[in-house]
Amino acid sequence: MQRLLICCITYVASDINCESPIRFPKSSTIERIQMRKLISLTAVLLLANYFVAAVPAATAQSASMANAAPVPEFTIYHLEGRRSERLVWLMEELGLPYDLEFTRGDLGASMAAIRAINPDMPVAPTVVYDGQVLVESGAIIEMILARHGGGRLVPPLDSPDFATHLMWIHYSEGSLAARAIADYRVWQIQPPTARSPLVDSEAVVQFAENFLDDKPWFGGEDFSAADIMMLFPLNFAFVLNIVDSTQFPNINAWMEKVTARPAYQAMLDKARPDGMIGSLPALPAHAPSGPR
């Protein structure tokens, strides 16, 4: 349509005695004037249709951003290398203000600060949001996106990617982290000699690997908060040798992309300035690969 519109406008703008980019049979001056008027009308209609199609998308994005509420007090109580870094990463991606509380290089002191704020459930993240004390990184991420995200880091509601985006947000902890942590604890006591007949760590990681066969992100076609949620448990499974990381090329390629993002690098500078501290020991061996 854009090409036809350009041709029509070019023809109208040209002198009727000059070469036109649109070829017509020889005709009288009156006929040519009538033709020119017809093409002028066509150009106007095409132009109107073009803007009618283009403006709603831009308007919807602008309206979504305009409707995003300003962020109230938002303080992240943090432990280095723990799930609280998800919230730092999120706020950096969105460019939203936040305060970060932790004692650099001292997990004990950082935990004491968390316990003072949230004695009943001293976990990282603990967040103070407009006077409320909140836990659970996934729930906090969804709340921030709904109130302050302005449509960012979430696929459109009517997109096929929206359903899988939500699935991976919850899969990250409900299936992946839960299984990986359980296997890690058991295998510390008794190293595995065969794969479990149940859904094991390799299976939950392989499910993620398979999804990335034809999608660049866990958000689908675009990076989303699902990618923020998925990195922590996948890193956990790889770094602690719960699964053989070399068997998952899609996830490795995805990890390179997400960790290269400027917002992720900003998170590392602010929330993990000395790298990982107090890390758990890697398993000496993971379960053998192959069928269960």
C-alpha atoms as a PDB file:
ATOM      1  CA  MET A   1       0.000   0.000   0.000  1.00  0.00           C
ATOM      2  CA  GLN A   2       2.840   2.397   0.792  1.00  0.00           C
ATOM      3  CA  ARG A   3       4.293   1.944  -2.712  1.00  0.00           C
ATOM      4  CA  LEU A   4       0.930   2.652  -4.369  1.00  0.00           C
ATOM      5  CA  LEU A   5       0.477   5.719  -2.187  1.00  0.00           C
ATOM      6  CA  ILE A   6       3.885   7.071  -3.218  1.00  0.00           C
ATOM      7  CA  CYS A   7       3.097   6.514  -6.897  1.00  0.00           C
ATOM      8  CA  CYS A   8      -0.224   8.358  -6.609  1.00  0.00           C
ATOM      9  CA  ILE A   9       1.278  11.336  -4.788  1.00  0.00           C
ATOM     10  CA  THR A  10       4.176  11.516  -7.249  1.00  0.00           C
ATOM     11  CA  TYR A  11       1.771  11.517 -10.185  1.00  0.00           C
ATOM     12  CA  VAL A  12      -0.414  14.233  -8.683  1.00  0.00           C
ATOM     13  CA  ALA A  13       2.615  16.372  -7.868  1.00  0.00           C
ATOM     14  CA  SER A  14       4.009  16.093 -11.393  1.00  0.00           C
ATOM     15  CA  ASP A  15       2.989  18.484 -14.175  1.00  0.00           C
ATOM     16  CA  ILE A  16       0.526  16.894 -16.570  1.00  0.00           C
ATOM     17  CA  ASN A  17       2.854  17.696 -19.469  1.00  0.00           C
ATOM     18  CA  CYS A  18       5.843  16.022 -17.808  1.00  0.00           C
ATOM     19  CA  GLU A  19       6.832  12.390 -17.660  1.00  0.00           C
ATOM     20  CA  SER A  20       4.703  10.588 -15.085  1.00  0.00           C
ATOM     21  CA  PRO A  21       5.806   7.487 -13.194  1.00  0.00           C
ATOM     22  CA  ILE A  22       2.373   6.016 -14.014  1.00  0.00           C
ATOM     23  CA  ARG A  23       1.777   5.233 -17.703  1.00  0.00           C
ATOM     24  CA  PHE A  24      -1.637   5.926 -19.218  1.00  0.00           C
ATOM     25  CA  PRO A  25      -2.883   5.800 -22.834  1.00  0.00           C
ATOM     26  CA  LYS A  26      -2.816   9.063 -24.777  1.00  0.00           C
ATOM     27  CA  SER A  27      -5.876  11.135 -23.956  1.00  0.00           C
ATOM     28  CA  SER A  28      -7.258  14.655 -24.112  1.00  0.00           C
ATOM     29  CA  THR A  29      -6.262  17.294 -21.608  1.00  0.00           C
ATOM     30  CA  ILE A  30      -9.740  17.118 -20.021  1.00  0.00           C
ATOM     31  CA  GLU A  31      -9.491  13.354 -19.596  1.00  0.00           C
ATOM     32  CA  ARG A  32      -6.055  13.685 -18.098  1.00  0.00           C
ATOM     33  CA  ILE A  33      -7.294  16.313 -15.628  1.00  0.00           C
ATOM     34  CA  GLN A  34     -10.153  14.013 -14.625  1.00  0.00           C
ATOM     35  CA  MET A  35      -7.699  11.158 -14.186  1.00  0.00           C
ATOM     36  CA  ARG A  36      -5.505  13.366 -12.073  1.00  0.00           C
ATOM     37  CA  LYS A  37      -8.454  14.243  -9.814  1.00  0.00           C
ATOM     38  CA  LEU A  38      -9.312  10.557  -9.450  1.00  0.00           C
ATOM     39  CA  ILE A  39      -5.766   9.698  -8.473  1.00  0.00           C
ATOM     40  CA  SER A  40      -5.732  12.630  -6.033  1.00  0.00           C
ATOM     41  CA  LEU A  41      -8.811  11.214  -4.336  1.00  0.00           C
ATOM     42  CA  THR A  42      -7.238   7.746  -4.273  1.00  0.00           C
ATOM     43  CA  ALA A  43      -4.098   9.149  -2.659  1.00  0.00           C
ATOM     44  CA  VAL A  44      -6.134  10.902   0.037  1.00  0.00           C
ATOM     45  CA  LEU A  45      -8.079   7.717   0.815  1.00  0.00           C
ATOM     46  CA  LEU A  46      -4.910   5.611   0.942  1.00  0.00           C
ATOM     47  CA  LEU A  47      -3.221   8.148   3.195  1.00  0.00           C
ATOM     48  CA  ALA A  48      -6.208   8.204   5.548  1.00  0.00           C
ATOM     49  CA  ASN A  49      -6.297   4.413   5.675  1.00  0.00           C
ATOM     50  CA  TYR A  50      -2.568   4.273   6.406  1.00  0.00           C
ATOM     51  CA  PHE A  51      -2.875   6.553   9.416  1.00  0.00           C
ATOM     52  CA  VAL A  52      -6.041   4.872  10.678  1.00  0.00           C
ATOM     53  CA  ALA A  53      -4.103   1.589  10.742  1.00  0.00           C
ATOM     54  CA  ALA A  54      -0.906   3.006  12.239  1.00  0.00           C
ATOM     55  CA  VAL A  55      -2.178   5.406  14.875  1.00  0.00           C
ATOM     56  CA  PRO A  56      -4.082   2.982  17.171  1.00  0.00           C
ATOM     57  CA  ALA A  57      -0.974   0.894  17.921  1.00  0.00           C
ATOM     58  CA  ALA A  58       1.060   3.956  18.824  1.00  0.00           C
ATOM     59  CA  THR A  59      -1.864   5.429  20.751  1.00  0.00           C
ATOM     60  CA  ALA A  60      -2.363   2.212  22.720  1.00  0.00           C
ATOM     61  CA  GLN A  61       1.320   2.116  23.690  1.00  0.00           C
ATOM     62  CA  SER A  62       1.275   5.787  24.694  1.00  0.00           C
ATOM     63  CA  ALA A  63      -1.950   5.328  26.665  1.00  0.00           C
ATOM     64  CA  SER A  64      -0.512   2.316  28.459  1.00  0.00           C
ATOM     65  CA  MET A  65       2.598   4.255  29.430  1.00  0.00           C
ATOM     66  CA  ALA A  66       0.498   7.247  30.482  1.00  0.00           C
ATOM     67  CA  ASN A  67      -1.683   5.041  32.694  1.00  0.00           C
ATOM     68  CA  ALA A  68       1.324   3.579  34.532  1.00  0.00           C
ATOM     69  CA  ALA A  69       1.203   4.835  38.105  1.00  0.00           C
ATOM     70  CA  PRO A  70       4.292   6.452  39.634  1.00  0.00           C
ATOM     71  CA  VAL A  71       6.262   4.142  41.903  1.00  0.00           C
ATOM     72  CA  PRO A  72       5.821   4.802  45.635  1.00  0.00           C
ATOM     73  CA  GLU A  73       8.467   3.899  48.207  1.00  0.00           C
ATOM     74  CA  PHE A  74      10.100   0.693  46.941  1.00  0.00           C
ATOM     75  CA  THR A  75      12.945  -0.753  48.987  1.00  0.00           C
ATOM     76  CA  ILE A  76      14.499  -4.115  48.132  1.00  0.00           C
ATOM     77  CA  TYR A  77      16.122  -5.947  51.056  1.00  0.00           C
ATOM     78  CA  HIS A  78      18.692  -8.060  49.317  1.00  0.00           C
ATOM     79  CA  LEU A  79      21.112 -10.957  49.711  1.00  0.00           C
ATOM     80  CA  GLU A  80      23.896 -11.081  47.128  1.00  0.00           C
ATOM     81  CA  GLY A  81      23.380 -13.764  44.499  1.00  0.00           C
ATOM     82  CA  ARG A  82      19.862 -14.615  45.668  1.00  0.00           C
ATOM     83  CA  ARG A  83      16.413 -14.197  44.132  1.00  0.00           C
ATOM     84  CA  SER A  84      16.191 -10.572  45.240  1.00  0.00           C
ATOM     85  CA  GLU A  85      18.438  -9.692  42.304  1.00  0.00           C
ATOM     86  CA  ARG A  86      15.460 -10.385  40.030  1.00  0.00           C
ATOM     87  CA  LEU A  87      13.764  -7.261  41.369  1.00  0.00           C
ATOM     88  CA  VAL A  88      16.859  -5.121  40.889  1.00  0.00           C
ATOM     89  CA  TRP A  89      17.085  -6.382  37.308  1.00  0.00           C
ATOM     90  CA  LEU A  90      13.372  -5.672  36.721  1.00  0.00           C
ATOM     91  CA  MET A  91      13.612  -2.101  37.990  1.00  0.00           C
ATOM     92  CA  GLU A  92      16.701  -1.488  35.864  1.00  0.00           C
ATOM     93  CA  GLU A  93      14.888  -2.818  32.768  1.00  0.00           C
ATOM     94  CA  LEU A  94      11.933  -0.509  33.440  1.00  0.00           C
ATOM     95  CA  GLY A  95      14.030   2.469  34.504  1.00  0.00           C
ATOM     96  CA  LEU A  96      12.012   2.814  37.718  1.00  0.00           C
ATOM     97  CA  PRO A  97      13.317   4.179  41.038  1.00  0.00           C
ATOM     98  CA  TYR A  98      14.125   1.878  43.941  1.00  0.00           C
ATOM     99  CA  ASP A  99      16.272   1.650  47.054  1.00  0.00           C
ATOM    100  CA  LEU A 100      18.554  -1.327  47.615  1.00  0.00           C
ATOM    101  CA  GLU A 101      19.483  -2.412  51.135  1.00  0.00           C
ATOM    102  CA  PHE A 102      22.249  -4.923  51.877  1.00  0.00           C
ATOM    103  CA  THR A 103      25.643  -5.100  53.542  1.00  0.00           C
ATOM    104  CA  ARG A 104      28.244  -5.738  50.886  1.00  0.00           C
ATOM    105  CA  GLY A 105      30.047  -9.037  51.348  1.00  0.00           C
ATOM    106  CA  ASP A 106      28.234  -9.896  54.586  1.00  0.00           C
ATOM    107  CA  LEU A 107      25.230 -12.191  54.181  1.00  0.00           C
ATOM    108  CA  GLY A 108      24.729 -12.362  57.953  1.00  0.00           C
ATOM    109  CA  ALA A 109      24.391  -8.601  58.319  1.00  0.00           C
ATOM    110  CA  SER A 110      22.107  -8.416  55.287  1.00  0.00           C
ATOM    111  CA  MET A 111      19.898 -11.148  56.756  1.00  0.00           C
ATOM    112  CA  ALA A 112      19.765  -9.330  60.094  1.00  0.00           C
ATOM    113  CA  ALA A 113      18.377  -6.277  58.300  1.00  0.00           C
ATOM    114  CA  ILE A 114      15.754  -8.453  56.600  1.00  0.00           C
ATOM    115  CA  ARG A 115      14.823 -10.082  59.916  1.00  0.00           C
ATOM    116  CA  ALA A 116      14.331  -6.664  61.495  1.00  0.00           C
ATOM    117  CA  ILE A 117      11.840  -5.719  58.773  1.00  0.00           C
ATOM    118  CA  ASN A 118      10.168  -9.113  58.366  1.00  0.00           C
ATOM    119  CA  PRO A 119      10.732 -11.287  61.470  1.00  0.00           C
ATOM    120  CA  ASP A 120       7.984 -13.767  60.580  1.00  0.00           C
ATOM    121  CA  MET A 121       9.371 -14.575  57.121  1.00  0.00           C
ATOM    122  CA  PRO A 122      12.984 -13.363  56.769  1.00  0.00           C
ATOM    123  CA  VAL A 123      13.667 -14.160  53.121  1.00  0.00           C
ATOM    124  CA  ALA A 124      15.250 -12.413  50.156  1.00  0.00           C
ATOM    125  CA  PRO A 125      13.611 -10.632  48.588  1.00  0.00           C
ATOM    126  CA  THR A 126      11.744  -8.804  51.274  1.00  0.00           C
ATOM    127  CA  VAL A 127      10.350  -5.581  49.855  1.00  0.00           C
ATOM    128  CA  VAL A 128       8.799  -2.528  51.462  1.00  0.00           C
ATOM    129  CA  TYR A 129       6.311  -1.147  48.942  1.00  0.00           C
ATOM    130  CA  ASP A 130       4.336   1.921  49.994  1.00  0.00           C
ATOM    131  CA  GLY A 131       4.489   0.757  53.609  1.00  0.00           C
ATOM    132  CA  GLN A 132       3.592  -2.871  52.849  1.00  0.00           C
ATOM    133  CA  VAL A 133       6.072  -5.675  53.532  1.00  0.00           C
ATOM    134  CA  LEU A 134       6.026  -8.136  50.620  1.00  0.00           C
ATOM    135  CA  VAL A 135       7.784 -11.400  49.727  1.00  0.00           C
ATOM    136  CA  GLU A 136       7.833 -13.698  46.657  1.00  0.00           C
ATOM    137  CA  SER A 137       9.794 -12.302  43.718  1.00  0.00           C
ATOM    138  CA  GLY A 138       7.347 -13.541  41.073  1.00  0.00           C
ATOM    139  CA  ALA A 139       4.327 -11.962  42.742  1.00  0.00           C
ATOM    140  CA  ILE A 140       6.179  -8.680  43.264  1.00  0.00           C
ATOM    141  CA  ILE A 141       7.261  -8.642  39.615  1.00  0.00           C
ATOM    142  CA  GLU A 142       3.681  -9.174  38.432  1.00  0.00           C
ATOM    143  CA  MET A 143       2.448  -6.392  40.729  1.00  0.00           C
ATOM    144  CA  ILE A 144       5.089  -3.921  39.544  1.00  0.00           C
ATOM    145  CA  LEU A 145       4.340  -4.691  35.894  1.00  0.00           C
ATOM    146  CA  ALA A 146       0.577  -4.358  36.381  1.00  0.00           C
ATOM    147  CA  ARG A 147       0.802  -1.028  38.203  1.00  0.00           C
ATOM    148  CA  HIS A 148       3.944   0.602  36.883  1.00  0.00           C
ATOM    149  CA  GLY A 149       5.149  -1.289  33.806  1.00  0.00           C
ATOM    150  CA  GLY A 150       3.110   0.563  31.208  1.00  0.00           C
ATOM    151  CA  GLY A 151       2.785  -2.569  29.088  1.00  0.00           C
ATOM    152  CA  ARG A 152       6.513  -3.291  29.062  1.00  0.00           C
ATOM    153  CA  LEU A 153       8.057  -6.745  29.618  1.00  0.00           C
ATOM    154  CA  VAL A 154       4.650  -8.401  29.087  1.00  0.00           C
ATOM    155  CA  PRO A 155       3.327  -9.669  25.730  1.00  0.00           C
ATOM    156  CA  PRO A 156       0.009  -8.137  24.585  1.00  0.00           C
ATOM    157  CA  LEU A 157      -2.984  -9.724  26.284  1.00  0.00           C
ATOM    158  CA  ASP A 158      -4.340 -11.067  22.978  1.00  0.00           C
ATOM    159  CA  SER A 159      -0.960 -12.449  21.888  1.00  0.00           C
ATOM    160  CA  PRO A 160      -0.297 -16.220  21.889  1.00  0.00           C
ATOM    161  CA  ASP A 161       2.900 -15.364  23.786  1.00  0.00           C
ATOM    162  CA  PHE A 162       0.936 -14.023  26.767  1.00  0.00           C
ATOM    163  CA  ALA A 163      -0.125 -17.480  27.980  1.00  0.00           C
ATOM    164  CA  THR A 164       3.362 -18.997  27.753  1.00  0.00           C
ATOM    165  CA  HIS A 165       4.904 -15.867  29.305  1.00  0.00           C
ATOM    166  CA  LEU A 166       2.727 -16.436  32.388  1.00  0.00           C
ATOM    167  CA  MET A 167       3.442 -20.155  32.300  1.00  0.00           C
ATOM    168  CA  TRP A 168       7.213 -19.614  32.471  1.00  0.00           C
ATOM    169  CA  ILE A 169       6.901 -16.998  35.217  1.00  0.00           C
ATOM    170  CA  HIS A 170       5.267 -19.631  37.423  1.00  0.00           C
ATOM    171  CA  TYR A 171       7.163 -22.634  36.042  1.00  0.00           C
ATOM    172  CA  SER A 172      10.441 -21.048  37.136  1.00  0.00           C
ATOM    173  CA  GLU A 173       9.690 -21.671  40.808  1.00  0.00           C
ATOM    174  CA  GLY A 174       6.739 -24.066  40.823  1.00  0.00           C
ATOM    175  CA  SER A 175       8.373 -26.749  38.642  1.00  0.00           C
ATOM    176  CA  LEU A 176      11.993 -25.922  37.812  1.00  0.00           C
ATOM    177  CA  ALA A 177      13.392 -24.561  41.082  1.00  0.00           C
ATOM    178  CA  ALA A 178      11.328 -26.928  43.228  1.00  0.00           C
ATOM    179  CA  ARG A 179      12.588 -30.011  41.384  1.00  0.00           C
ATOM    180  CA  ALA A 180      16.202 -28.843  41.120  1.00  0.00           C
ATOM    181  CA  ILE A 181      16.427 -27.973  44.823  1.00  0.00           C
ATOM    182  CA  ALA A 182      14.855 -31.287  45.855  1.00  0.00           C
ATOM    183  CA  ASP A 183      17.266 -33.284  43.697  1.00  0.00           C
ATOM    184  CA  TYR A 184      20.230 -31.249  44.934  1.00  0.00           C
ATOM    185  CA  ARG A 185      19.404 -31.924  48.594  1.00  0.00           C
ATOM    186  CA  VAL A 186      18.840 -35.647  48.049  1.00  0.00           C
ATOM    187  CA  TRP A 187      21.945 -36.101  45.893  1.00  0.00           C
ATOM    188  CA  GLN A 188      24.115 -34.381  48.508  1.00  0.00           C
ATOM    189  CA  ILE A 189      23.292 -37.309  50.787  1.00  0.00           C
ATOM    190  CA  GLN A 190      23.214 -40.067  48.201  1.00  0.00           C
ATOM    191  CA  PRO A 191      24.693 -39.383  44.737  1.00  0.00           C
ATOM    192  CA  PRO A 192      22.420 -40.588  41.933  1.00  0.00           C
ATOM    193  CA  THR A 193      23.216 -43.732  39.991  1.00  0.00           C
ATOM    194  CA  ALA A 194      20.261 -43.491  37.612  1.00  0.00           C
ATOM    195  CA  ARG A 195      17.577 -41.046  36.593  1.00  0.00           C
ATOM    196  CA  SER A 196      14.447 -40.893  38.707  1.00  0.00           C
ATOM    197  CA  PRO A 197      11.320 -42.520  37.256  1.00  0.00           C
ATOM    198  CA  LEU A 198       9.521 -39.311  38.251  1.00  0.00           C
ATOM    199  CA  VAL A 199       9.883 -35.919  36.587  1.00  0.00           C
ATOM    200  CA  ASP A 200      13.460 -35.070  37.531  1.00  0.00           C
ATOM    201  CA  SER A 201      15.748 -32.073  37.100  1.00  0.00           C
ATOM    202  CA  GLU A 202      16.843 -33.129  33.634  1.00  0.00           C
ATOM    203  CA  ALA A 203      13.215 -33.352  32.513  1.00  0.00           C
ATOM    204  CA  VAL A 204      12.229 -29.905  33.809  1.00  0.00           C
ATOM    205  CA  VAL A 205      15.300 -28.317  32.197  1.00  0.00           C
ATOM    206  CA  GLN A 206      14.745 -30.224  28.946  1.00  0.00           C
ATOM    207  CA  PHE A 207      11.192 -28.858  28.784  1.00  0.00           C
ATOM    208  CA  ALA A 208      12.644 -25.336  28.809  1.00  0.00           C
ATOM    209  CA  GLU A 209      15.278 -26.320  26.234  1.00  0.00           C
ATOM    210  CA  ASN A 210      12.587 -27.632  23.885  1.00  0.00           C
ATOM    211  CA  PHE A 211      10.584 -24.399  24.112  1.00  0.00           C
ATOM    212  CA  LEU A 212      13.608 -22.437  22.918  1.00  0.00           C
ATOM    213  CA  ASP A 213      13.825 -24.568  19.770  1.00  0.00           C
ATOM    214  CA  ASP A 214      11.594 -22.076  17.960  1.00  0.00           C
ATOM    215  CA  LYS A 215      11.329 -19.116  20.347  1.00  0.00           C
ATOM    216  CA  PRO A 216      14.152 -16.667  21.117  1.00  0.00           C
ATOM    217  CA  TRP A 217      12.885 -15.835  24.615  1.00  0.00           C
ATOM    218  CA  PHE A 218      10.735 -17.337  27.340  1.00  0.00           C
ATOM    219  CA  GLY A 219       8.592 -14.280  26.675  1.00  0.00           C
ATOM    220  CA  GLY A 220       8.070 -15.607  23.132  1.00  0.00           C
ATOM    221  CA  GLU A 221       9.114 -13.290  20.341  1.00  0.00           C
ATOM    222  CA  ASP A 222      10.339 -10.625  22.765  1.00  0.00           C
ATOM    223  CA  PHE A 223      12.195 -10.513  26.068  1.00  0.00           C
ATOM    224  CA  SER A 224       9.783 -10.428  29.011  1.00  0.00           C
ATOM    225  CA  ALA A 225       9.667 -10.772  32.770  1.00  0.00           C
ATOM    226  CA  ALA A 226       9.480 -14.538  32.225  1.00  0.00           C
ATOM    227  CA  ASP A 227      13.141 -14.412  31.171  1.00  0.00           C
ATOM    228  CA  ILE A 228      14.007 -12.576  34.383  1.00  0.00           C
ATOM    229  CA  MET A 229      12.295 -15.304  36.393  1.00  0.00           C
ATOM    230  CA  MET A 230      13.831 -18.231  34.509  1.00  0.00           C
ATOM    231  CA  LEU A 231      17.506 -17.263  34.749  1.00  0.00           C
ATOM    232  CA  PHE A 232      17.948 -17.905  38.477  1.00  0.00           C
ATOM    233  CA  PRO A 233      16.798 -21.562  38.601  1.00  0.00           C
ATOM    234  CA  LEU A 234      18.562 -22.437  35.350  1.00  0.00           C
ATOM    235  CA  ASN A 235      21.795 -20.957  36.697  1.00  0.00           C
ATOM    236  CA  PHE A 236      21.230 -22.917  39.901  1.00  0.00           C
ATOM    237  CA  ALA A 237      20.855 -26.181  37.987  1.00  0.00           C
ATOM    238  CA  PHE A 238      23.915 -25.530  35.804  1.00  0.00           C
ATOM    239  CA  VAL A 239      26.362 -24.065  38.328  1.00  0.00           C
ATOM    240  CA  LEU A 240      25.646 -26.685  41.002  1.00  0.00           C
ATOM    241  CA  ASN A 241      26.005 -29.532  38.482  1.00  0.00           C
ATOM    242  CA  ILE A 242      22.454 -30.769  39.006  1.00  0.00           C
ATOM    243  CA  VAL A 243      22.247 -31.333  35.243  1.00  0.00           C
ATOM    244  CA  ASP A 244      24.876 -31.526  32.513  1.00  0.00           C
ATOM    245  CA  SER A 245      24.823 -27.965  31.176  1.00  0.00           C
ATOM    246  CA  THR A 246      26.545 -28.980  27.928  1.00  0.00           C
ATOM    247  CA  GLN A 247      23.419 -30.898  26.891  1.00  0.00           C
ATOM    248  CA  PHE A 248      21.284 -27.737  26.589  1.00  0.00           C
ATOM    249  CA  PRO A 249      22.585 -25.550  23.733  1.00  0.00           C
ATOM    250  CA  ASN A 250      19.419 -23.450  23.421  1.00  0.00           C
ATOM    251  CA  ILE A 251      19.518 -22.477  27.074  1.00  0.00           C
ATOM    252  CA  ASN A 252      23.234 -21.661  26.894  1.00  0.00           C
ATOM    253  CA  ALA A 253      22.650 -19.378  23.893  1.00  0.00           C
ATOM    254  CA  TRP A 254      19.715 -17.732  25.664  1.00  0.00           C
ATOM    255  CA  MET A 255      21.833 -17.204  28.802  1.00  0.00           C
ATOM    256  CA  GLU A 256      24.442 -15.359  26.759  1.00  0.00           C
ATOM    257  CA  LYS A 257      21.758 -12.998  25.447  1.00  0.00           C
ATOM    258  CA  VAL A 258      20.051 -12.234  28.746  1.00  0.00           C
ATOM    259  CA  THR A 259      23.256 -11.730  30.710  1.00  0.00           C
ATOM    260  CA  ALA A 260      24.532  -9.311  28.045  1.00  0.00           C
ATOM    261  CA  ARG A 261      21.549  -6.985  28.514  1.00  0.00           C
ATOM    262  CA  PRO A 262      22.538  -3.566  29.902  1.00  0.00           C
ATOM    263  CA  ALA A 263      19.960  -3.817  32.693  1.00  0.00           C
ATOM    264  CA  TYR A 264      21.363  -7.171  33.793  1.00  0.00           C
ATOM    265  CA  GLN A 265      24.880  -5.757  33.825  1.00  0.00           C
ATOM    266  CA  ALA A 266      23.638  -2.790  35.859  1.00  0.00           C
ATOM    267  CA  MET A 267      22.095  -5.243  38.315  1.00  0.00           C
ATOM    268  CA  LEU A 268      25.425  -7.050  38.697  1.00  0.00           C
ATOM    269  CA  ASP A 269      27.226  -3.776  39.400  1.00  0.00           C
ATOM    270  CA  LYS A 270      24.734  -2.773  42.083  1.00  0.00           C
ATOM    271  CA  ALA A 271      23.525  -6.042  43.602  1.00  0.00           C
ATOM    272  CA  ARG A 272      26.467  -8.408  43.129  1.00  0.00           C
ATOM    273  CA  PRO A 273      29.540  -6.143  43.126  1.00  0.00           C
ATOM    274  CA  ASP A 274      31.880  -8.882  44.390  1.00  0.00           C
ATOM    275  CA  GLY A 275      30.360 -11.718  42.390  1.00  0.00           C
ATOM    276  CA  MET A 276      28.637 -14.689  43.984  1.00  0.00           C
ATOM    277  CA  ILE A 277      29.298 -15.026  47.701  1.00  0.00           C
ATOM    278  CA  GLY A 278      28.293 -17.850  50.021  1.00  0.00           C
ATOM    279  CA  SER A 279      27.507 -20.159  47.125  1.00  0.00           C
ATOM    280  CA  LEU A 280      26.443 -23.743  47.740  1.00  0.00           C
ATOM    281  CA  PRO A 281      28.952 -26.453  46.738  1.00  0.00           C
ATOM    282  CA  ALA A 282      28.455 -28.070  43.347  1.00  0.00           C
ATOM    283  CA  LEU A 283      27.492 -31.729  43.275  1.00  0.00           C
ATOM    284  CA  PRO A 284      30.363 -34.084  42.416  1.00  0.00           C
ATOM    285  CA  ALA A 285      28.112 -35.823  39.888  1.00  0.00           C
ATOM    286  CA  HIS A 286      24.667 -35.407  38.380  1.00  0.00           C
ATOM    287  CA  ALA A 287      22.312 -38.171  37.347  1.00  0.00           C
ATOM    288  CA  PRO A 288      23.343 -39.986  34.164  1.00  0.00           C
ATOM    289  CA  SER A 289      21.664 -38.631  31.053  1.00  0.00           C
ATOM    290  CA  GLY A 290      19.292 -40.840  29.148  1.00  0.00           C
ATOM    291  CA  PRO A 291      15.811 -42.296  29.472  1.00  0.00           C
ATOM    292  CA  ARG A 292      14.216 -42.716  32.867  1.00  0.00           C
END
